[in-house]
């Protein structure tokens, strides 16, 4: 598959995901997120089966799966919870802060180069933008501050997971890592639903059912594979440019399909955040990717067998 086509598909998926998440919470956010992840896990396991691959359960592979699960479980739990209190477009705007948080965590955990003044200025601009965006919604949405806090926790888990995977992954391919992480996180999310809710919805609206199905099959199953495929072909900096596009498209989708309002403050705040991201992304050092994790297509993954798993571990 051409990189450009995969890139466009990811933009479409990430642009529609916030609204789909919000619609899927109408049957309870724990039921919505756990059912999505169960579907996504089954899709990834089916792909592994078709490719005649299997998960490897060594000490090191479990560590890698847990690193992925931190991002999936922690990020998804809090973004679904936060989606109850904020417009869908705001979800994409807040997740635009992910590259900045990832850079900070990479400096702390991976001994990356020191943060430059240009990047520090970008962080300040992004925080100012977040403050401006929040001001207009605090008065219109009673629990907006709570929702915003939950989204920031979600982004933090997402960024931490990415850094930990980079630190500990020694050759496990994208599909294997994603499937292992999904298997653990979907189990934990289902247990969370059972303990804190445990009730099946008596009625599922059609748009909610389609949202859960879309998120499970497209956003989780296909989206994860395409994301790691693109990451193996281009630099993380170029891939991070997606976060400059999806907030705007997500806001437009929320306005058209969910009747959300685009205020002057949201527009200005989003522009501040995007400008801050640009300052952080330009002229950054590219991170090389080793050959043994480079798939040649979205469904081509590094085959981890019992023999080479011992070498990896």
C-alpha atoms as a PDB file:
ATOM      1  CA  UNK A   1       0.000   0.000   0.000  1.00  0.00           C
ATOM      2  CA  UNK A   2       1.352   3.480  -0.863  1.00  0.00           C
ATOM      3  CA  UNK A   3       2.386   5.505   2.192  1.00  0.00           C
ATOM      4  CA  UNK A   4       0.274   8.478   1.092  1.00  0.00           C
ATOM      5  CA  UNK A   5      -2.870   6.339   0.938  1.00  0.00           C
ATOM      6  CA  UNK A   6      -2.204   4.866   4.377  1.00  0.00           C
ATOM      7  CA  UNK A   7      -1.533   8.387   5.702  1.00  0.00           C
ATOM      8  CA  UNK A   8      -4.860   9.657   4.337  1.00  0.00           C
ATOM      9  CA  UNK A   9      -6.734   6.688   5.833  1.00  0.00           C
ATOM     10  CA  UNK A  10      -5.185   7.344   9.254  1.00  0.00           C
ATOM     11  CA  UNK A  11      -6.204  11.012   9.047  1.00  0.00           C
ATOM     12  CA  UNK A  12      -9.779   9.946   8.282  1.00  0.00           C
ATOM     13  CA  UNK A  13      -9.796   7.437  11.151  1.00  0.00           C
ATOM     14  CA  UNK A  14      -8.305   9.827  13.708  1.00  0.00           C
ATOM     15  CA  UNK A  15     -10.641  12.614  12.597  1.00  0.00           C
ATOM     16  CA  UNK A  16     -13.775  10.505  13.086  1.00  0.00           C
ATOM     17  CA  UNK A  17     -12.682   8.651  16.226  1.00  0.00           C
ATOM     18  CA  UNK A  18     -13.517  11.438  18.762  1.00  0.00           C
ATOM     19  CA  UNK A  19     -17.157  11.686  17.658  1.00  0.00           C
ATOM     20  CA  UNK A  20     -17.476   7.894  17.468  1.00  0.00           C
ATOM     21  CA  UNK A  21     -16.109   7.649  21.019  1.00  0.00           C
ATOM     22  CA  UNK A  22     -18.640  10.183  22.249  1.00  0.00           C
ATOM     23  CA  UNK A  23     -21.544   8.365  20.591  1.00  0.00           C
ATOM     24  CA  UNK A  24     -20.405   4.995  21.944  1.00  0.00           C
ATOM     25  CA  UNK A  25     -20.503   6.305  25.531  1.00  0.00           C
ATOM     26  CA  UNK A  26     -24.296   6.635  25.342  1.00  0.00           C
ATOM     27  CA  UNK A  27     -24.560   3.044  26.627  1.00  0.00           C
ATOM     28  CA  UNK A  28     -22.067   3.688  29.428  1.00  0.00           C
ATOM     29  CA  UNK A  29     -18.437   4.549  28.798  1.00  0.00           C
ATOM     30  CA  UNK A  30     -17.092   1.330  30.345  1.00  0.00           C
ATOM     31  CA  UNK A  31     -19.336  -0.845  28.183  1.00  0.00           C
ATOM     32  CA  UNK A  32     -18.465   1.244  25.124  1.00  0.00           C
ATOM     33  CA  UNK A  33     -14.694   1.031  25.533  1.00  0.00           C
ATOM     34  CA  UNK A  34     -14.559  -2.617  26.628  1.00  0.00           C
ATOM     35  CA  UNK A  35     -16.777  -3.815  23.772  1.00  0.00           C
ATOM     36  CA  UNK A  36     -14.673  -1.837  21.287  1.00  0.00           C
ATOM     37  CA  UNK A  37     -11.434  -3.367  22.541  1.00  0.00           C
ATOM     38  CA  UNK A  38     -12.862  -6.880  22.513  1.00  0.00           C
ATOM     39  CA  UNK A  39     -13.798  -6.447  18.854  1.00  0.00           C
ATOM     40  CA  UNK A  40     -10.386  -4.943  18.066  1.00  0.00           C
ATOM     41  CA  UNK A  41      -8.590  -7.784  19.841  1.00  0.00           C
ATOM     42  CA  UNK A  42     -10.521 -10.405  17.883  1.00  0.00           C
ATOM     43  CA  UNK A  43      -9.699  -8.633  14.605  1.00  0.00           C
ATOM     44  CA  UNK A  44      -5.965  -8.507  15.367  1.00  0.00           C
ATOM     45  CA  UNK A  45      -5.923 -12.142  16.505  1.00  0.00           C
ATOM     46  CA  UNK A  46      -7.691 -13.111  13.280  1.00  0.00           C
ATOM     47  CA  UNK A  47      -5.033 -11.294  11.254  1.00  0.00           C
ATOM     48  CA  UNK A  48      -2.312 -13.125  13.194  1.00  0.00           C
ATOM     49  CA  UNK A  49      -4.062 -16.431  12.490  1.00  0.00           C
ATOM     50  CA  UNK A  50      -4.352 -15.688   8.773  1.00  0.00           C
ATOM     51  CA  UNK A  51      -0.654 -14.810   8.677  1.00  0.00           C
ATOM     52  CA  UNK A  52       0.133 -18.040  10.569  1.00  0.00           C
ATOM     53  CA  UNK A  53       1.775 -16.153  13.414  1.00  0.00           C
ATOM     54  CA  UNK A  54       1.301 -16.442  17.138  1.00  0.00           C
ATOM     55  CA  UNK A  55       1.950 -14.468  20.285  1.00  0.00           C
ATOM     56  CA  UNK A  56       5.135 -15.357  22.156  1.00  0.00           C
ATOM     57  CA  UNK A  57       4.861 -15.471  25.932  1.00  0.00           C
ATOM     58  CA  UNK A  58       8.386 -14.908  27.212  1.00  0.00           C
ATOM     59  CA  UNK A  59       9.393 -12.686  30.111  1.00  0.00           C
ATOM     60  CA  UNK A  60      10.518  -9.922  27.789  1.00  0.00           C
ATOM     61  CA  UNK A  61       7.547 -10.157  25.429  1.00  0.00           C
ATOM     62  CA  UNK A  62       5.174  -9.797  28.382  1.00  0.00           C
ATOM     63  CA  UNK A  63       7.010  -6.611  29.390  1.00  0.00           C
ATOM     64  CA  UNK A  64       6.521  -5.249  25.866  1.00  0.00           C
ATOM     65  CA  UNK A  65       2.827  -6.218  25.872  1.00  0.00           C
ATOM     66  CA  UNK A  66       2.388  -4.517  29.252  1.00  0.00           C
ATOM     67  CA  UNK A  67       4.011  -1.354  27.889  1.00  0.00           C
ATOM     68  CA  UNK A  68       1.467  -1.370  25.065  1.00  0.00           C
ATOM     69  CA  UNK A  69      -1.360  -2.153  27.494  1.00  0.00           C
ATOM     70  CA  UNK A  70      -0.467   0.892  29.601  1.00  0.00           C
ATOM     71  CA  UNK A  71      -1.308   3.083  26.640  1.00  0.00           C
ATOM     72  CA  UNK A  72      -4.369   1.160  25.510  1.00  0.00           C
ATOM     73  CA  UNK A  73      -5.992   0.593  28.905  1.00  0.00           C
ATOM     74  CA  UNK A  74      -4.999   3.874  30.547  1.00  0.00           C
ATOM     75  CA  UNK A  75      -5.510   6.074  27.523  1.00  0.00           C
ATOM     76  CA  UNK A  76      -8.803   4.532  26.397  1.00  0.00           C
ATOM     77  CA  UNK A  77     -10.308   4.372  29.890  1.00  0.00           C
ATOM     78  CA  UNK A  78      -9.773   8.064  30.566  1.00  0.00           C
ATOM     79  CA  UNK A  79     -10.563   9.355  27.066  1.00  0.00           C
ATOM     80  CA  UNK A  80     -13.921   7.551  27.115  1.00  0.00           C
ATOM     81  CA  UNK A  81     -14.620   8.892  30.595  1.00  0.00           C
ATOM     82  CA  UNK A  82     -13.614  12.406  29.585  1.00  0.00           C
ATOM     83  CA  UNK A  83     -15.745  12.219  26.428  1.00  0.00           C
ATOM     84  CA  UNK A  84     -18.819  12.383  28.662  1.00  0.00           C
ATOM     85  CA  UNK A  85     -18.045  16.011  29.534  1.00  0.00           C
ATOM     86  CA  UNK A  86     -16.420  17.672  26.506  1.00  0.00           C
ATOM     87  CA  UNK A  87     -17.287  18.230  22.817  1.00  0.00           C
ATOM     88  CA  UNK A  88     -15.767  15.642  20.489  1.00  0.00           C
ATOM     89  CA  UNK A  89     -13.570  18.209  18.725  1.00  0.00           C
ATOM     90  CA  UNK A  90     -11.838  19.080  21.990  1.00  0.00           C
ATOM     91  CA  UNK A  91     -10.670  15.457  22.303  1.00  0.00           C
ATOM     92  CA  UNK A  92      -8.594  15.779  19.134  1.00  0.00           C
ATOM     93  CA  UNK A  93      -7.286  19.194  20.202  1.00  0.00           C
ATOM     94  CA  UNK A  94      -6.059  17.870  23.562  1.00  0.00           C
ATOM     95  CA  UNK A  95      -4.498  14.815  21.927  1.00  0.00           C
ATOM     96  CA  UNK A  96      -2.558  17.245  19.773  1.00  0.00           C
ATOM     97  CA  UNK A  97      -0.403  17.739  22.868  1.00  0.00           C
ATOM     98  CA  UNK A  98       0.833  14.125  22.626  1.00  0.00           C
ATOM     99  CA  UNK A  99       4.075  14.930  20.726  1.00  0.00           C
ATOM    100  CA  UNK A 100       5.058  17.480  23.373  1.00  0.00           C
ATOM    101  CA  UNK A 101       4.391  15.098  26.267  1.00  0.00           C
ATOM    102  CA  UNK A 102       6.206  12.318  24.419  1.00  0.00           C
ATOM    103  CA  UNK A 103       9.237  14.562  23.938  1.00  0.00           C
ATOM    104  CA  UNK A 104       9.348  15.397  27.658  1.00  0.00           C
ATOM    105  CA  UNK A 105       9.022  11.749  28.698  1.00  0.00           C
ATOM    106  CA  UNK A 106      11.625  10.683  26.129  1.00  0.00           C
ATOM    107  CA  UNK A 107      14.052  13.159  27.657  1.00  0.00           C
ATOM    108  CA  UNK A 108      13.426  11.709  31.122  1.00  0.00           C
ATOM    109  CA  UNK A 109      13.346   7.997  30.245  1.00  0.00           C
ATOM    110  CA  UNK A 110      15.429   7.672  27.068  1.00  0.00           C
ATOM    111  CA  UNK A 111      18.064  10.334  27.692  1.00  0.00           C
ATOM    112  CA  UNK A 112      17.031  12.237  24.574  1.00  0.00           C
ATOM    113  CA  UNK A 113      18.728  15.586  23.748  1.00  0.00           C
ATOM    114  CA  UNK A 114      17.929  18.520  26.000  1.00  0.00           C
ATOM    115  CA  UNK A 115      14.813  20.534  25.234  1.00  0.00           C
ATOM    116  CA  UNK A 116      15.684  23.591  23.151  1.00  0.00           C
ATOM    117  CA  UNK A 117      14.398  27.110  23.700  1.00  0.00           C
ATOM    118  CA  UNK A 118      12.337  26.834  20.522  1.00  0.00           C
ATOM    119  CA  UNK A 119      10.640  23.706  21.842  1.00  0.00           C
ATOM    120  CA  UNK A 120      10.102  25.289  25.256  1.00  0.00           C
ATOM    121  CA  UNK A 121       8.438  28.235  23.541  1.00  0.00           C
ATOM    122  CA  UNK A 122       6.227  25.819  21.636  1.00  0.00           C
ATOM    123  CA  UNK A 123       5.162  24.162  24.888  1.00  0.00           C
ATOM    124  CA  UNK A 124       4.234  27.515  26.393  1.00  0.00           C
ATOM    125  CA  UNK A 125       2.183  28.424  23.304  1.00  0.00           C
ATOM    126  CA  UNK A 126       0.396  25.064  23.446  1.00  0.00           C
ATOM    127  CA  UNK A 127      -0.468  25.542  27.124  1.00  0.00           C
ATOM    128  CA  UNK A 128      -1.761  29.051  26.411  1.00  0.00           C
ATOM    129  CA  UNK A 129      -3.887  27.599  23.623  1.00  0.00           C
ATOM    130  CA  UNK A 130      -5.262  24.940  25.944  1.00  0.00           C
ATOM    131  CA  UNK A 131      -6.163  27.631  28.480  1.00  0.00           C
ATOM    132  CA  UNK A 132      -7.923  29.760  25.837  1.00  0.00           C
ATOM    133  CA  UNK A 133      -9.830  26.730  24.546  1.00  0.00           C
ATOM    134  CA  UNK A 134     -10.947  25.817  28.053  1.00  0.00           C
ATOM    135  CA  UNK A 135     -12.213  29.296  28.919  1.00  0.00           C
ATOM    136  CA  UNK A 136     -15.100  29.235  26.469  1.00  0.00           C
ATOM    137  CA  UNK A 137     -16.268  25.781  27.545  1.00  0.00           C
ATOM    138  CA  UNK A 138     -16.017  26.141  31.318  1.00  0.00           C
ATOM    139  CA  UNK A 139     -19.161  28.269  31.376  1.00  0.00           C
ATOM    140  CA  UNK A 140     -21.065  26.231  28.757  1.00  0.00           C
ATOM    141  CA  UNK A 141     -20.265  22.748  30.079  1.00  0.00           C
ATOM    142  CA  UNK A 142     -20.696  22.178  33.817  1.00  0.00           C
ATOM    143  CA  UNK A 143     -18.090  19.434  34.125  1.00  0.00           C
ATOM    144  CA  UNK A 144     -15.735  20.574  31.367  1.00  0.00           C
ATOM    145  CA  UNK A 145     -12.794  20.986  33.763  1.00  0.00           C
ATOM    146  CA  UNK A 146     -13.226  17.377  34.897  1.00  0.00           C
ATOM    147  CA  UNK A 147     -13.394  16.165  31.312  1.00  0.00           C
ATOM    148  CA  UNK A 148     -10.310  18.165  30.347  1.00  0.00           C
ATOM    149  CA  UNK A 149      -8.370  16.710  33.266  1.00  0.00           C
ATOM    150  CA  UNK A 150      -9.365  13.174  32.286  1.00  0.00           C
ATOM    151  CA  UNK A 151      -8.249  13.800  28.697  1.00  0.00           C
ATOM    152  CA  UNK A 152      -4.862  15.072  29.878  1.00  0.00           C
ATOM    153  CA  UNK A 153      -4.419  11.891  31.930  1.00  0.00           C
ATOM    154  CA  UNK A 154      -5.355   9.893  28.837  1.00  0.00           C
ATOM    155  CA  UNK A 155      -2.772  11.670  26.678  1.00  0.00           C
ATOM    156  CA  UNK A 156      -0.151  11.127  29.378  1.00  0.00           C
ATOM    157  CA  UNK A 157      -0.759   7.354  29.371  1.00  0.00           C
ATOM    158  CA  UNK A 158      -0.622   7.357  25.566  1.00  0.00           C
ATOM    159  CA  UNK A 159       2.708   9.194  25.493  1.00  0.00           C
ATOM    160  CA  UNK A 160       4.221   7.127  28.314  1.00  0.00           C
ATOM    161  CA  UNK A 161       3.331   3.912  26.518  1.00  0.00           C
ATOM    162  CA  UNK A 162       5.000   5.067  23.299  1.00  0.00           C
ATOM    163  CA  UNK A 163       8.228   5.899  25.123  1.00  0.00           C
ATOM    164  CA  UNK A 164       8.257   2.628  27.095  1.00  0.00           C
ATOM    165  CA  UNK A 165       7.685   0.564  23.951  1.00  0.00           C
ATOM    166  CA  UNK A 166      10.614   2.338  22.291  1.00  0.00           C
ATOM    167  CA  UNK A 167      12.754   1.610  25.348  1.00  0.00           C
ATOM    168  CA  UNK A 168      11.962  -2.083  25.815  1.00  0.00           C
ATOM    169  CA  UNK A 169      10.927  -3.420  22.404  1.00  0.00           C
ATOM    170  CA  UNK A 170      13.851  -5.322  20.862  1.00  0.00           C
ATOM    171  CA  UNK A 171      12.318  -6.592  17.675  1.00  0.00           C
ATOM    172  CA  UNK A 172       8.696  -7.558  18.192  1.00  0.00           C
ATOM    173  CA  UNK A 173       6.675  -6.369  15.217  1.00  0.00           C
ATOM    174  CA  UNK A 174       3.792  -3.939  15.244  1.00  0.00           C
ATOM    175  CA  UNK A 175       1.003  -6.489  14.893  1.00  0.00           C
ATOM    176  CA  UNK A 176       2.403  -8.794  17.579  1.00  0.00           C
ATOM    177  CA  UNK A 177       2.919  -5.907  20.006  1.00  0.00           C
ATOM    178  CA  UNK A 178      -0.521  -4.439  19.337  1.00  0.00           C
ATOM    179  CA  UNK A 179      -2.281  -7.810  19.687  1.00  0.00           C
ATOM    180  CA  UNK A 180      -0.510  -8.628  22.944  1.00  0.00           C
ATOM    181  CA  UNK A 181      -1.307  -5.201  24.354  1.00  0.00           C
ATOM    182  CA  UNK A 182      -4.925  -5.443  23.223  1.00  0.00           C
ATOM    183  CA  UNK A 183      -5.351  -8.885  24.757  1.00  0.00           C
ATOM    184  CA  UNK A 184      -4.210  -7.631  28.162  1.00  0.00           C
ATOM    185  CA  UNK A 185      -6.005  -4.283  28.044  1.00  0.00           C
ATOM    186  CA  UNK A 186      -9.308  -5.677  26.749  1.00  0.00           C
ATOM    187  CA  UNK A 187      -9.278  -8.159  29.640  1.00  0.00           C
ATOM    188  CA  UNK A 188      -8.635  -5.370  32.159  1.00  0.00           C
ATOM    189  CA  UNK A 189     -11.296  -3.127  30.609  1.00  0.00           C
ATOM    190  CA  UNK A 190     -13.850  -5.938  30.701  1.00  0.00           C
ATOM    191  CA  UNK A 191     -13.030  -6.582  34.369  1.00  0.00           C
ATOM    192  CA  UNK A 192     -13.373  -2.843  35.064  1.00  0.00           C
ATOM    193  CA  UNK A 193     -16.802  -2.842  33.415  1.00  0.00           C
ATOM    194  CA  UNK A 194     -17.850  -5.927  35.399  1.00  0.00           C
ATOM    195  CA  UNK A 195     -16.710  -4.484  38.751  1.00  0.00           C
ATOM    196  CA  UNK A 196     -17.902  -0.876  38.380  1.00  0.00           C
ATOM    197  CA  UNK A 197     -20.948  -1.364  36.157  1.00  0.00           C
ATOM    198  CA  UNK A 198     -21.695  -4.915  35.090  1.00  0.00           C
ATOM    199  CA  UNK A 199     -24.965  -4.040  33.393  1.00  0.00           C
ATOM    200  CA  UNK A 200     -25.733  -4.725  29.758  1.00  0.00           C
ATOM    201  CA  UNK A 201     -27.602  -1.832  28.116  1.00  0.00           C
ATOM    202  CA  UNK A 202     -31.278  -2.615  27.650  1.00  0.00           C
ATOM    203  CA  UNK A 203     -31.281  -0.807  24.335  1.00  0.00           C
ATOM    204  CA  UNK A 204     -28.422   0.273  22.071  1.00  0.00           C
ATOM    205  CA  UNK A 205     -29.186   3.147  19.674  1.00  0.00           C
ATOM    206  CA  UNK A 206     -28.283   2.377  16.082  1.00  0.00           C
ATOM    207  CA  UNK A 207     -25.659   5.137  15.835  1.00  0.00           C
ATOM    208  CA  UNK A 208     -24.065   3.878  19.066  1.00  0.00           C
ATOM    209  CA  UNK A 209     -23.930   0.303  17.779  1.00  0.00           C
ATOM    210  CA  UNK A 210     -22.345   1.442  14.535  1.00  0.00           C
ATOM    211  CA  UNK A 211     -19.858   3.594  16.484  1.00  0.00           C
ATOM    212  CA  UNK A 212     -18.702   0.655  18.614  1.00  0.00           C
ATOM    213  CA  UNK A 213     -18.426  -1.559  15.536  1.00  0.00           C
ATOM    214  CA  UNK A 214     -16.520   1.106  13.608  1.00  0.00           C
ATOM    215  CA  UNK A 215     -14.135   1.768  16.482  1.00  0.00           C
ATOM    216  CA  UNK A 216     -13.499  -1.930  17.044  1.00  0.00           C
ATOM    217  CA  UNK A 217     -12.933  -2.991  13.442  1.00  0.00           C
ATOM    218  CA  UNK A 218     -11.631   0.145  11.729  1.00  0.00           C
ATOM    219  CA  UNK A 219     -10.085   2.393  14.397  1.00  0.00           C
ATOM    220  CA  UNK A 220      -8.597  -0.406  16.509  1.00  0.00           C
ATOM    221  CA  UNK A 221      -8.075  -3.391  14.221  1.00  0.00           C
ATOM    222  CA  UNK A 222      -7.121  -1.688  10.957  1.00  0.00           C
ATOM    223  CA  UNK A 223      -6.006   1.638  12.453  1.00  0.00           C
ATOM    224  CA  UNK A 224      -3.382   0.076  14.715  1.00  0.00           C
ATOM    225  CA  UNK A 225      -1.858  -1.900  11.846  1.00  0.00           C
ATOM    226  CA  UNK A 226      -1.729   1.115   9.520  1.00  0.00           C
ATOM    227  CA  UNK A 227      -0.293   3.349  12.239  1.00  0.00           C
ATOM    228  CA  UNK A 228       2.674   1.068  12.907  1.00  0.00           C
ATOM    229  CA  UNK A 229       3.096   0.440   9.193  1.00  0.00           C
ATOM    230  CA  UNK A 230       3.476   4.173   8.541  1.00  0.00           C
ATOM    231  CA  UNK A 231       5.764   4.518  11.561  1.00  0.00           C
ATOM    232  CA  UNK A 232       8.081   1.899  10.064  1.00  0.00           C
ATOM    233  CA  UNK A 233       8.283   3.778   6.761  1.00  0.00           C
ATOM    234  CA  UNK A 234       8.631   7.436   7.776  1.00  0.00           C
ATOM    235  CA  UNK A 235      10.158   9.327  10.670  1.00  0.00           C
ATOM    236  CA  UNK A 236       8.164   9.792  13.897  1.00  0.00           C
ATOM    237  CA  UNK A 237       8.353  13.558  13.306  1.00  0.00           C
ATOM    238  CA  UNK A 238       6.526  13.308   9.979  1.00  0.00           C
ATOM    239  CA  UNK A 239       3.981  10.933  11.477  1.00  0.00           C
ATOM    240  CA  UNK A 240       3.394  13.393  14.323  1.00  0.00           C
ATOM    241  CA  UNK A 241       2.280  15.957  11.751  1.00  0.00           C
ATOM    242  CA  UNK A 242      -1.032  14.071  11.793  1.00  0.00           C
ATOM    243  CA  UNK A 243      -1.774  15.836  15.065  1.00  0.00           C
ATOM    244  CA  UNK A 244      -1.669  19.151  13.199  1.00  0.00           C
ATOM    245  CA  UNK A 245      -4.438  18.030  10.833  1.00  0.00           C
ATOM    246  CA  UNK A 246      -6.869  15.916  12.841  1.00  0.00           C
ATOM    247  CA  UNK A 247      -7.964  18.560  15.408  1.00  0.00           C
ATOM    248  CA  UNK A 248      -9.350  20.808  12.673  1.00  0.00           C
ATOM    249  CA  UNK A 249     -11.064  17.972  10.807  1.00  0.00           C
ATOM    250  CA  UNK A 250     -12.459  16.504  14.035  1.00  0.00           C
ATOM    251  CA  UNK A 251     -13.944  19.870  15.014  1.00  0.00           C
ATOM    252  CA  UNK A 252     -15.599  20.216  11.588  1.00  0.00           C
ATOM    253  CA  UNK A 253     -17.035  16.681  11.819  1.00  0.00           C
ATOM    254  CA  UNK A 254     -18.397  17.435  15.298  1.00  0.00           C
ATOM    255  CA  UNK A 255     -20.074  20.601  14.017  1.00  0.00           C
ATOM    256  CA  UNK A 256     -21.654  18.868  11.007  1.00  0.00           C
ATOM    257  CA  UNK A 257     -22.787  15.594  12.561  1.00  0.00           C
ATOM    258  CA  UNK A 258     -23.194  16.412  16.256  1.00  0.00           C
ATOM    259  CA  UNK A 259     -24.339  20.036  16.264  1.00  0.00           C
ATOM    260  CA  UNK A 260     -21.303  21.268  18.189  1.00  0.00           C
ATOM    261  CA  UNK A 261     -20.442  24.968  18.257  1.00  0.00           C
ATOM    262  CA  UNK A 262     -17.234  26.515  16.946  1.00  0.00           C
ATOM    263  CA  UNK A 263     -16.503  29.539  19.101  1.00  0.00           C
ATOM    264  CA  UNK A 264     -13.928  32.253  18.637  1.00  0.00           C
ATOM    265  CA  UNK A 265     -12.006  31.043  21.690  1.00  0.00           C
ATOM    266  CA  UNK A 266     -11.832  27.450  20.445  1.00  0.00           C
ATOM    267  CA  UNK A 267     -10.518  28.640  17.081  1.00  0.00           C
ATOM    268  CA  UNK A 268      -7.829  30.871  18.600  1.00  0.00           C
ATOM    269  CA  UNK A 269      -6.881  28.271  21.214  1.00  0.00           C
ATOM    270  CA  UNK A 270      -6.532  25.544  18.595  1.00  0.00           C
ATOM    271  CA  UNK A 271      -4.308  27.783  16.460  1.00  0.00           C
ATOM    272  CA  UNK A 272      -2.066  28.433  19.475  1.00  0.00           C
ATOM    273  CA  UNK A 273      -1.763  24.694  20.128  1.00  0.00           C
ATOM    274  CA  UNK A 274      -1.009  23.918  16.485  1.00  0.00           C
ATOM    275  CA  UNK A 275       1.633  26.670  16.353  1.00  0.00           C
ATOM    276  CA  UNK A 276       3.225  25.275  19.490  1.00  0.00           C
ATOM    277  CA  UNK A 277       3.324  21.817  17.926  1.00  0.00           C
ATOM    278  CA  UNK A 278       4.974  23.145  14.769  1.00  0.00           C
ATOM    279  CA  UNK A 279       7.713  24.780  16.855  1.00  0.00           C
ATOM    280  CA  UNK A 280       8.311  21.454  18.590  1.00  0.00           C
ATOM    281  CA  UNK A 281       8.339  19.330  15.450  1.00  0.00           C
ATOM    282  CA  UNK A 282      10.557  21.307  13.076  1.00  0.00           C
ATOM    283  CA  UNK A 283      14.273  20.528  12.901  1.00  0.00           C
ATOM    284  CA  UNK A 284      14.107  17.676  15.379  1.00  0.00           C
ATOM    285  CA  UNK A 285      16.525  14.757  15.194  1.00  0.00           C
ATOM    286  CA  UNK A 286      15.097  11.775  13.333  1.00  0.00           C
ATOM    287  CA  UNK A 287      15.046   8.416  15.081  1.00  0.00           C
ATOM    288  CA  UNK A 288      16.227   5.487  12.989  1.00  0.00           C
ATOM    289  CA  UNK A 289      14.216   2.279  12.733  1.00  0.00           C
ATOM    290  CA  UNK A 290      16.002  -1.068  12.589  1.00  0.00           C
ATOM    291  CA  UNK A 291      15.478  -3.271   9.597  1.00  0.00           C
ATOM    292  CA  UNK A 292      14.067  -6.242  11.468  1.00  0.00           C
ATOM    293  CA  UNK A 293      10.853  -4.404  12.308  1.00  0.00           C
ATOM    294  CA  UNK A 294      10.149  -2.961   8.868  1.00  0.00           C
ATOM    295  CA  UNK A 295       7.024  -4.467   7.308  1.00  0.00           C
ATOM    296  CA  UNK A 296       6.679  -4.279   3.550  1.00  0.00           C
ATOM    297  CA  UNK A 297       2.914  -3.885   3.713  1.00  0.00           C
ATOM    298  CA  UNK A 298       0.339  -3.040   6.396  1.00  0.00           C
ATOM    299  CA  UNK A 299      -0.235  -6.754   7.030  1.00  0.00           C
ATOM    300  CA  UNK A 300       3.426  -7.825   6.854  1.00  0.00           C
ATOM    301  CA  UNK A 301       4.840  -8.128  10.343  1.00  0.00           C
ATOM    302  CA  UNK A 302       8.073  -9.282  11.908  1.00  0.00           C
ATOM    303  CA  UNK A 303       7.680 -12.969  12.621  1.00  0.00           C
ATOM    304  CA  UNK A 304       8.708 -13.769  16.181  1.00  0.00           C
ATOM    305  CA  UNK A 305       9.199 -17.506  16.536  1.00  0.00           C
ATOM    306  CA  UNK A 306      10.072 -19.587  19.576  1.00  0.00           C
ATOM    307  CA  UNK A 307      13.718 -19.744  18.490  1.00  0.00           C
ATOM    308  CA  UNK A 308      14.369 -16.060  17.875  1.00  0.00           C
ATOM    309  CA  UNK A 309      12.177 -15.067  20.824  1.00  0.00           C
ATOM    310  CA  UNK A 310      14.900 -16.476  23.064  1.00  0.00           C
ATOM    311  CA  UNK A 311      17.435 -14.233  21.371  1.00  0.00           C
ATOM    312  CA  UNK A 312      15.176 -11.202  21.799  1.00  0.00           C
ATOM    313  CA  UNK A 313      14.545 -12.015  25.459  1.00  0.00           C
END
